[in-house]
Amino acid sequence: METGLSLAQAGDLTVQATVNGEQRQLGRTSDMIRSIEDLVVHITEAMTLLPATSSSPAPRPGSALNVGDEVAVTIEGIGTLTNKVIKRG
């Protein structure tokens, strides 16, 4: 996964999640329980990382998602990943 950022830079970025344009989460990578480096090491021991793999703060109450919702996660200096919630099956 290439971001153009050093581990030091990635260690303190703003991470925001919105649902249908409404902010649901806001935090910093420096507040995460594990560092970016630790997450990459831990995850790659079990699986291959593909684009769009992420980690986020705990959900807040009332944050359930519904079919049709649009979820966007923005990481400072990297960009925004947006997905629609769909029904499986």
PDB file of N, CA and C in Angstrom:
ATOM      1  N   MET A   1       0.851  -1.165   0.000  1.00  0.00           N
ATOM      2  CA  MET A   1       0.000   0.000   0.000  1.00  0.00           C
ATOM      3  C   MET A   1       0.897   1.228   0.000  1.00  0.00           C
ATOM      4  N   GLU A   2       0.772   2.011  -1.027  1.00  0.00           N
ATOM      5  CA  GLU A   2       1.591   3.201  -1.167  1.00  0.00           C
ATOM      6  C   GLU A   2       0.752   4.439  -0.931  1.00  0.00           C
ATOM      7  N   THR A   3       1.224   5.333  -0.081  1.00  0.00           N
ATOM      8  CA  THR A   3       0.503   6.570   0.201  1.00  0.00           C
ATOM      9  C   THR A   3       1.341   7.801  -0.100  1.00  0.00           C
ATOM     10  N   GLY A   4       2.645   7.645  -0.221  1.00  0.00           N
ATOM     11  CA  GLY A   4       3.522   8.788  -0.385  1.00  0.00           C
ATOM     12  C   GLY A   4       3.875   9.441   0.937  1.00  0.00           C
ATOM     13  N   LEU A   5       3.367   8.884   2.039  1.00  0.00           N
ATOM     14  CA  LEU A   5       3.641   9.422   3.364  1.00  0.00           C
ATOM     15  C   LEU A   5       4.605   8.502   4.107  1.00  0.00           C
ATOM     16  N   SER A   6       5.447   9.098   4.933  1.00  0.00           N
ATOM     17  CA  SER A   6       6.330   8.299   5.790  1.00  0.00           C
ATOM     18  C   SER A   6       5.515   7.757   6.963  1.00  0.00           C
ATOM     19  N   LEU A   7       6.048   6.775   7.670  1.00  0.00           N
ATOM     20  CA  LEU A   7       5.363   6.263   8.870  1.00  0.00           C
ATOM     21  C   LEU A   7       5.204   7.365   9.906  1.00  0.00           C
ATOM     22  N   ALA A   8       6.186   8.251   9.998  1.00  0.00           N
ATOM     23  CA  ALA A   8       6.085   9.361  10.957  1.00  0.00           C
ATOM     24  C   ALA A   8       4.914  10.273  10.592  1.00  0.00           C
ATOM     25  N   GLN A   9       4.763  10.580   9.307  1.00  0.00           N
ATOM     26  CA  GLN A   9       3.648  11.419   8.869  1.00  0.00           C
ATOM     27  C   GLN A   9       2.307  10.704   9.073  1.00  0.00           C
ATOM     28  N   ALA A  10       2.263   9.420   8.767  1.00  0.00           N
ATOM     29  CA  ALA A  10       1.020   8.648   8.884  1.00  0.00           C
ATOM     30  C   ALA A  10       0.609   8.466  10.339  1.00  0.00           C
ATOM     31  N   GLY A  11       1.530   8.674  11.247  1.00  0.00           N
ATOM     32  CA  GLY A  11       1.257   8.465  12.664  1.00  0.00           C
ATOM     33  C   GLY A  11       0.385   9.518  13.319  1.00  0.00           C
ATOM     34  N   ASP A  12       0.058  10.606  12.610  1.00  0.00           N
ATOM     35  CA  ASP A  12      -0.789  11.635  13.205  1.00  0.00           C
ATOM     36  C   ASP A  12      -1.610  12.350  12.126  1.00  0.00           C
ATOM     37  N   LEU A  13      -2.552  11.606  11.538  1.00  0.00           N
ATOM     38  CA  LEU A  13      -3.435  12.146  10.504  1.00  0.00           C
ATOM     39  C   LEU A  13      -4.876  12.147  10.992  1.00  0.00           C
ATOM     40  N   THR A  14      -5.654  13.083  10.491  1.00  0.00           N
ATOM     41  CA  THR A  14      -7.083  13.118  10.788  1.00  0.00           C
ATOM     42  C   THR A  14      -7.784  12.041   9.962  1.00  0.00           C
ATOM     43  N   VAL A  15      -8.674  11.289  10.619  1.00  0.00           N
ATOM     44  CA  VAL A  15      -9.495  10.270   9.945  1.00  0.00           C
ATOM     45  C   VAL A  15     -10.947  10.607  10.249  1.00  0.00           C
ATOM     46  N   GLN A  16     -11.740  10.755   9.191  1.00  0.00           N
ATOM     47  CA  GLN A  16     -13.152  11.105   9.358  1.00  0.00           C
ATOM     48  C   GLN A  16     -14.017  10.129   8.582  1.00  0.00           C
ATOM     49  N   ALA A  17     -15.105   9.695   9.194  1.00  0.00           N
ATOM     50  CA  ALA A  17     -16.080   8.839   8.521  1.00  0.00           C
ATOM     51  C   ALA A  17     -17.421   9.558   8.500  1.00  0.00           C
ATOM     52  N   THR A  18     -18.061   9.551   7.324  1.00  0.00           N
ATOM     53  CA  THR A  18     -19.393  10.126   7.203  1.00  0.00           C
ATOM     54  C   THR A  18     -20.347   9.081   6.633  1.00  0.00           C
ATOM     55  N   VAL A  19     -21.609   9.221   6.981  1.00  0.00           N
ATOM     56  CA  VAL A  19     -22.671   8.394   6.405  1.00  0.00           C
ATOM     57  C   VAL A  19     -23.696   9.367   5.842  1.00  0.00           C
ATOM     58  N   ASN A  20     -23.920   9.264   4.537  1.00  0.00           N
ATOM     59  CA  ASN A  20     -24.842  10.168   3.839  1.00  0.00           C
ATOM     60  C   ASN A  20     -24.507  11.634   4.122  1.00  0.00           C
ATOM     61  N   GLY A  21     -23.194  11.925   4.184  1.00  0.00           N
ATOM     62  CA  GLY A  21     -22.731  13.288   4.389  1.00  0.00           C
ATOM     63  C   GLY A  21     -22.696  13.749   5.837  1.00  0.00           C
ATOM     64  N   GLU A  22     -23.195  12.928   6.767  1.00  0.00           N
ATOM     65  CA  GLU A  22     -23.201  13.287   8.187  1.00  0.00           C
ATOM     66  C   GLU A  22     -21.992  12.671   8.881  1.00  0.00           C
ATOM     67  N   GLN A  23     -21.222  13.492   9.584  1.00  0.00           N
ATOM     68  CA  GLN A  23     -20.050  12.974  10.278  1.00  0.00           C
ATOM     69  C   GLN A  23     -20.462  11.981  11.355  1.00  0.00           C
ATOM     70  N   ARG A  24     -19.849  10.800  11.322  1.00  0.00           N
ATOM     71  CA  ARG A  24     -20.123   9.771  12.322  1.00  0.00           C
ATOM     72  C   ARG A  24     -18.915   9.504  13.204  1.00  0.00           C
ATOM     73  N   GLN A  25     -17.712   9.676  12.658  1.00  0.00           N
ATOM     74  CA  GLN A  25     -16.498   9.458  13.436  1.00  0.00           C
ATOM     75  C   GLN A  25     -15.476  10.504  13.037  1.00  0.00           C
ATOM     76  N   LEU A  26     -14.674  10.919  14.003  1.00  0.00           N
ATOM     77  CA  LEU A  26     -13.580  11.840  13.750  1.00  0.00           C
ATOM     78  C   LEU A  26     -12.495  11.517  14.763  1.00  0.00           C
ATOM     79  N   GLY A  27     -11.316  11.281  14.272  1.00  0.00           N
ATOM     80  CA  GLY A  27     -10.215  10.952  15.167  1.00  0.00           C
ATOM     81  C   GLY A  27      -8.890  11.174  14.475  1.00  0.00           C
ATOM     82  N   ARG A  28      -7.838  10.751  15.150  1.00  0.00           N
ATOM     83  CA  ARG A  28      -6.496  10.880  14.596  1.00  0.00           C
ATOM     84  C   ARG A  28      -5.807   9.520  14.673  1.00  0.00           C
ATOM     85  N   THR A  29      -4.965   9.262  13.718  1.00  0.00           N
ATOM     86  CA  THR A  29      -4.232   7.998  13.736  1.00  0.00           C
ATOM     87  C   THR A  29      -3.374   7.893  14.993  1.00  0.00           C
ATOM     88  N   SER A  30      -2.967   9.018  15.559  1.00  0.00           N
ATOM     89  CA  SER A  30      -2.157   8.994  16.785  1.00  0.00           C
ATOM     90  C   SER A  30      -2.965   8.513  17.992  1.00  0.00           C
ATOM     91  N   ASP A  31      -4.291   8.525  17.889  1.00  0.00           N
ATOM     92  CA  ASP A  31      -5.152   8.063  18.989  1.00  0.00           C
ATOM     93  C   ASP A  31      -5.533   6.591  18.874  1.00  0.00           C
ATOM     94  N   MET A  32      -5.125   5.936  17.790  1.00  0.00           N
ATOM     95  CA  MET A  32      -5.467   4.522  17.613  1.00  0.00           C
ATOM     96  C   MET A  32      -4.718   3.666  18.632  1.00  0.00           C
ATOM     97  N   ILE A  33      -5.295   2.539  19.002  1.00  0.00           N
ATOM     98  CA  ILE A  33      -4.675   1.648  19.979  1.00  0.00           C
ATOM     99  C   ILE A  33      -3.353   1.105  19.456  1.00  0.00           C
ATOM    100  N   ARG A  34      -3.315   0.746  18.190  1.00  0.00           N
ATOM    101  CA  ARG A  34      -2.088   0.240  17.567  1.00  0.00           C
ATOM    102  C   ARG A  34      -1.561   1.267  16.581  1.00  0.00           C
ATOM    103  N   SER A  35      -0.249   1.307  16.409  1.00  0.00           N
ATOM    104  CA  SER A  35       0.349   2.207  15.425  1.00  0.00           C
ATOM    105  C   SER A  35       0.095   1.657  14.020  1.00  0.00           C
ATOM    106  N   ILE A  36       0.267   2.508  13.026  1.00  0.00           N
ATOM    107  CA  ILE A  36       0.103   2.089  11.632  1.00  0.00           C
ATOM    108  C   ILE A  36       1.045   0.912  11.342  1.00  0.00           C
ATOM    109  N   GLU A  37       2.289   1.032  11.764  1.00  0.00           N
ATOM    110  CA  GLU A  37       3.276  -0.030  11.520  1.00  0.00           C
ATOM    111  C   GLU A  37       2.831  -1.341  12.164  1.00  0.00           C
ATOM    112  N   ASP A  38       2.376  -1.294  13.414  1.00  0.00           N
ATOM    113  CA  ASP A  38       1.915  -2.506  14.098  1.00  0.00           C
ATOM    114  C   ASP A  38       0.713  -3.129  13.389  1.00  0.00           C
ATOM    115  N   LEU A  39      -0.218  -2.280  12.911  1.00  0.00           N
ATOM    116  CA  LEU A  39      -1.389  -2.795  12.194  1.00  0.00           C
ATOM    117  C   LEU A  39      -0.984  -3.530  10.923  1.00  0.00           C
ATOM    118  N   VAL A  40      -0.080  -2.933  10.159  1.00  0.00           N
ATOM    119  CA  VAL A  40       0.357  -3.562   8.915  1.00  0.00           C
ATOM    120  C   VAL A  40       1.039  -4.896   9.209  1.00  0.00           C
ATOM    121  N   VAL A  41       1.924  -4.926  10.189  1.00  0.00           N
ATOM    122  CA  VAL A  41       2.621  -6.167  10.546  1.00  0.00           C
ATOM    123  C   VAL A  41       1.618  -7.222  11.008  1.00  0.00           C
ATOM    124  N   HIS A  42       0.732  -6.862  11.916  1.00  0.00           N
ATOM    125  CA  HIS A  42      -0.243  -7.804  12.468  1.00  0.00           C
ATOM    126  C   HIS A  42      -1.164  -8.364  11.379  1.00  0.00           C
ATOM    127  N   ILE A  43      -1.702  -7.500  10.559  1.00  0.00           N
ATOM    128  CA  ILE A  43      -2.653  -7.933   9.530  1.00  0.00           C
ATOM    129  C   ILE A  43      -1.969  -8.791   8.475  1.00  0.00           C
ATOM    130  N   THR A  44      -0.766  -8.409   8.050  1.00  0.00           N
ATOM    131  CA  THR A  44      -0.105  -9.168   6.995  1.00  0.00           C
ATOM    132  C   THR A  44       0.395 -10.529   7.468  1.00  0.00           C
ATOM    133  N   GLU A  45       0.401 -10.770   8.760  1.00  0.00           N
ATOM    134  CA  GLU A  45       0.718 -12.118   9.248  1.00  0.00           C
ATOM    135  C   GLU A  45      -0.425 -13.087   8.946  1.00  0.00           C
ATOM    136  N   ALA A  46      -1.637 -12.560   8.796  1.00  0.00           N
ATOM    137  CA  ALA A  46      -2.806 -13.411   8.595  1.00  0.00           C
ATOM    138  C   ALA A  46      -3.360 -13.358   7.174  1.00  0.00           C
ATOM    139  N   MET A  47      -3.139 -12.248   6.461  1.00  0.00           N
ATOM    140  CA  MET A  47      -3.749 -12.112   5.129  1.00  0.00           C
ATOM    141  C   MET A  47      -2.968 -11.114   4.295  1.00  0.00           C
ATOM    142  N   THR A  48      -3.273 -11.124   3.008  1.00  0.00           N
ATOM    143  CA  THR A  48      -2.706 -10.144   2.100  1.00  0.00           C
ATOM    144  C   THR A  48      -3.571  -8.901   2.140  1.00  0.00           C
ATOM    145  N   LEU A  49      -2.950  -7.745   2.314  1.00  0.00           N
ATOM    146  CA  LEU A  49      -3.701  -6.497   2.316  1.00  0.00           C
ATOM    147  C   LEU A  49      -4.020  -6.087   0.885  1.00  0.00           C
ATOM    148  N   LEU A  50      -5.254  -5.734   0.667  1.00  0.00           N
ATOM    149  CA  LEU A  50      -5.706  -5.240  -0.627  1.00  0.00           C
ATOM    150  C   LEU A  50      -6.122  -3.787  -0.466  1.00  0.00           C
ATOM    151  N   PRO A  51      -6.235  -3.033  -1.561  1.00  0.00           N
ATOM    152  CA  PRO A  51      -6.676  -1.641  -1.439  1.00  0.00           C
ATOM    153  C   PRO A  51      -7.988  -1.547  -0.665  1.00  0.00           C
ATOM    154  N   ALA A  52      -8.131  -0.494   0.124  1.00  0.00           N
ATOM    155  CA  ALA A  52      -9.338  -0.176   0.906  1.00  0.00           C
ATOM    156  C   ALA A  52      -9.390  -0.873   2.253  1.00  0.00           C
ATOM    157  N   THR A  53      -8.318  -1.520   2.693  1.00  0.00           N
ATOM    158  CA  THR A  53      -8.283  -2.091   4.030  1.00  0.00           C
ATOM    159  C   THR A  53      -8.084  -0.950   5.024  1.00  0.00           C
ATOM    160  N   SER A  54      -8.861  -0.939   6.092  1.00  0.00           N
ATOM    161  CA  SER A  54      -8.773   0.176   7.025  1.00  0.00           C
ATOM    162  C   SER A  54      -8.990  -0.252   8.463  1.00  0.00           C
ATOM    163  N   SER A  55      -8.741   0.675   9.355  1.00  0.00           N
ATOM    164  CA  SER A  55      -9.012   0.519  10.771  1.00  0.00           C
ATOM    165  C   SER A  55      -9.693   1.798  11.216  1.00  0.00           C
ATOM    166  N   SER A  56     -10.581   1.710  12.189  1.00  0.00           N
ATOM    167  CA  SER A  56     -11.294   2.919  12.593  1.00  0.00           C
ATOM    168  C   SER A  56     -11.578   2.898  14.080  1.00  0.00           C
ATOM    169  N   PRO A  57     -11.926   4.076  14.623  1.00  0.00           N
ATOM    170  CA  PRO A  57     -12.330   4.128  16.020  1.00  0.00           C
ATOM    171  C   PRO A  57     -13.609   3.330  16.241  1.00  0.00           C
ATOM    172  N   ALA A  58     -13.931   3.057  17.483  1.00  0.00           N
ATOM    173  CA  ALA A  58     -15.158   2.315  17.800  1.00  0.00           C
ATOM    174  C   ALA A  58     -16.376   3.096  17.320  1.00  0.00           C
ATOM    175  N   PRO A  59     -17.409   2.381  16.848  1.00  0.00           N
ATOM    176  CA  PRO A  59     -18.612   3.077  16.395  1.00  0.00           C
ATOM    177  C   PRO A  59     -19.326   3.746  17.554  1.00  0.00           C
ATOM    178  N   ARG A  60     -20.009   4.823  17.279  1.00  0.00           N
ATOM    179  CA  ARG A  60     -20.767   5.481  18.337  1.00  0.00           C
ATOM    180  C   ARG A  60     -22.197   4.955  18.330  1.00  0.00           C
ATOM    181  N   PRO A  61     -22.899   5.071  19.428  1.00  0.00           N
ATOM    182  CA  PRO A  61     -24.281   4.586  19.503  1.00  0.00           C
ATOM    183  C   PRO A  61     -25.134   5.193  18.388  1.00  0.00           C
ATOM    184  N   GLY A  62     -26.050   4.382  17.846  1.00  0.00           N
ATOM    185  CA  GLY A  62     -26.921   4.860  16.785  1.00  0.00           C
ATOM    186  C   GLY A  62     -26.249   4.924  15.436  1.00  0.00           C
ATOM    187  N   SER A  63     -25.130   4.208  15.288  1.00  0.00           N
ATOM    188  CA  SER A  63     -24.373   4.313  14.043  1.00  0.00           C
ATOM    189  C   SER A  63     -24.621   3.142  13.097  1.00  0.00           C
ATOM    190  N   ALA A  64     -25.730   2.434  13.268  1.00  0.00           N
ATOM    191  CA  ALA A  64     -26.046   1.315  12.379  1.00  0.00           C
ATOM    192  C   ALA A  64     -26.172   1.817  10.942  1.00  0.00           C
ATOM    193  N   LEU A  65     -25.782   0.973   9.998  1.00  0.00           N
ATOM    194  CA  LEU A  65     -25.870   1.305   8.589  1.00  0.00           C
ATOM    195  C   LEU A  65     -27.074   0.609   7.968  1.00  0.00           C
ATOM    196  N   ASN A  66     -27.641   1.236   6.956  1.00  0.00           N
ATOM    197  CA  ASN A  66     -28.785   0.682   6.246  1.00  0.00           C
ATOM    198  C   ASN A  66     -28.474   0.558   4.767  1.00  0.00           C
ATOM    199  N   VAL A  67     -29.149  -0.373   4.096  1.00  0.00           N
ATOM    200  CA  VAL A  67     -28.990  -0.538   2.657  1.00  0.00           C
ATOM    201  C   VAL A  67     -29.236   0.810   1.984  1.00  0.00           C
ATOM    202  N   GLY A  68     -28.340   1.184   1.085  1.00  0.00           N
ATOM    203  CA  GLY A  68     -28.450   2.452   0.377  1.00  0.00           C
ATOM    204  C   GLY A  68     -27.626   3.576   0.972  1.00  0.00           C
ATOM    205  N   ASP A  69     -27.189   3.422   2.235  1.00  0.00           N
ATOM    206  CA  ASP A  69     -26.356   4.452   2.849  1.00  0.00           C
ATOM    207  C   ASP A  69     -25.044   4.576   2.089  1.00  0.00           C
ATOM    208  N   GLU A  70     -24.516   5.784   2.030  1.00  0.00           N
ATOM    209  CA  GLU A  70     -23.219   6.032   1.416  1.00  0.00           C
ATOM    210  C   GLU A  70     -22.230   6.350   2.525  1.00  0.00           C
ATOM    211  N   VAL A  71     -21.190   5.530   2.635  1.00  0.00           N
ATOM    212  CA  VAL A  71     -20.183   5.667   3.690  1.00  0.00           C
ATOM    213  C   VAL A  71     -18.893   6.177   3.057  1.00  0.00           C
ATOM    214  N   ALA A  72     -18.353   7.253   3.612  1.00  0.00           N
ATOM    215  CA  ALA A  72     -17.099   7.817   3.107  1.00  0.00           C
ATOM    216  C   ALA A  72     -16.104   7.921   4.255  1.00  0.00           C
ATOM    217  N   VAL A  73     -14.890   7.471   4.004  1.00  0.00           N
ATOM    218  CA  VAL A  73     -13.805   7.592   4.980  1.00  0.00           C
ATOM    219  C   VAL A  73     -12.719   8.438   4.340  1.00  0.00           C
ATOM    220  N   THR A  74     -12.370   9.528   5.019  1.00  0.00           N
ATOM    221  CA  THR A  74     -11.348  10.441   4.514  1.00  0.00           C
ATOM    222  C   THR A  74     -10.162  10.413   5.454  1.00  0.00           C
ATOM    223  N   ILE A  75      -8.973  10.215   4.882  1.00  0.00           N
ATOM    224  CA  ILE A  75      -7.734  10.260   5.652  1.00  0.00           C
ATOM    225  C   ILE A  75      -6.924  11.438   5.122  1.00  0.00           C
ATOM    226  N   GLU A  76      -6.592  12.327   6.025  1.00  0.00           N
ATOM    227  CA  GLU A  76      -5.841  13.533   5.698  1.00  0.00           C
ATOM    228  C   GLU A  76      -4.603  13.195   4.867  1.00  0.00           C
ATOM    229  N   GLY A  77      -4.425  13.884   3.764  1.00  0.00           N
ATOM    230  CA  GLY A  77      -3.242  13.702   2.932  1.00  0.00           C
ATOM    231  C   GLY A  77      -3.283  12.488   2.034  1.00  0.00           C
ATOM    232  N   ILE A  78      -4.318  11.646   2.158  1.00  0.00           N
ATOM    233  CA  ILE A  78      -4.419  10.448   1.327  1.00  0.00           C
ATOM    234  C   ILE A  78      -5.625  10.541   0.391  1.00  0.00           C
ATOM    235  N   GLY A  79      -6.797  10.808   0.947  1.00  0.00           N
ATOM    236  CA  GLY A  79      -7.984  10.926   0.115  1.00  0.00           C
ATOM    237  C   GLY A  79      -9.200  10.312   0.779  1.00  0.00           C
ATOM    238  N   THR A  80     -10.229  10.101  -0.034  1.00  0.00           N
ATOM    239  CA  THR A  80     -11.516   9.609   0.453  1.00  0.00           C
ATOM    240  C   THR A  80     -11.904   8.343  -0.285  1.00  0.00           C
ATOM    241  N   LEU A  81     -12.366   7.352   0.477  1.00  0.00           N
ATOM    242  CA  LEU A  81     -12.921   6.123  -0.082  1.00  0.00           C
ATOM    243  C   LEU A  81     -14.411   6.140   0.233  1.00  0.00           C
ATOM    244  N   THR A  82     -15.249   6.013  -0.796  1.00  0.00           N
ATOM    245  CA  THR A  82     -16.700   6.058  -0.634  1.00  0.00           C
ATOM    246  C   THR A  82     -17.319   4.764  -1.149  1.00  0.00           C
ATOM    247  N   ASN A  83     -18.225   4.198  -0.359  1.00  0.00           N
ATOM    248  CA  ASN A  83     -18.932   2.975  -0.752  1.00  0.00           C
ATOM    249  C   ASN A  83     -20.399   3.096  -0.365  1.00  0.00           C
ATOM    250  N   LYS A  84     -21.254   2.423  -1.141  1.00  0.00           N
ATOM    251  CA  LYS A  84     -22.676   2.310  -0.799  1.00  0.00           C
ATOM    252  C   LYS A  84     -22.911   0.987  -0.096  1.00  0.00           C
ATOM    253  N   VAL A  85     -23.778   0.992   0.904  1.00  0.00           N
ATOM    254  CA  VAL A  85     -24.163  -0.236   1.601  1.00  0.00           C
ATOM    255  C   VAL A  85     -25.169  -0.963   0.708  1.00  0.00           C
ATOM    256  N   ILE A  86     -24.897  -2.245   0.443  1.00  0.00           N
ATOM    257  CA  ILE A  86     -25.797  -3.048  -0.387  1.00  0.00           C
ATOM    258  C   ILE A  86     -26.271  -4.271   0.379  1.00  0.00           C
ATOM    259  N   LYS A  87     -27.338  -4.850  -0.093  1.00  0.00           N
ATOM    260  CA  LYS A  87     -27.859  -6.074   0.493  1.00  0.00           C
ATOM    261  C   LYS A  87     -27.196  -7.247  -0.203  1.00  0.00           C
ATOM    262  N   ARG A  88     -26.665  -8.164   0.582  1.00  0.00           N
ATOM    263  CA  ARG A  88     -26.021  -9.360   0.011  1.00  0.00           C
ATOM    264  C   ARG A  88     -27.064 -10.431  -0.226  1.00  0.00           C
ATOM    265  N   GLY A  89     -26.824 -11.190  -1.299  1.00  0.00           N
ATOM    266  CA  GLY A  89     -27.677 -12.342  -1.557  1.00  0.00           C
ATOM    267  C   GLY A  89     -28.844 -12.042  -2.307  1.00  0.00           C
TER     268      GLY A  89
END
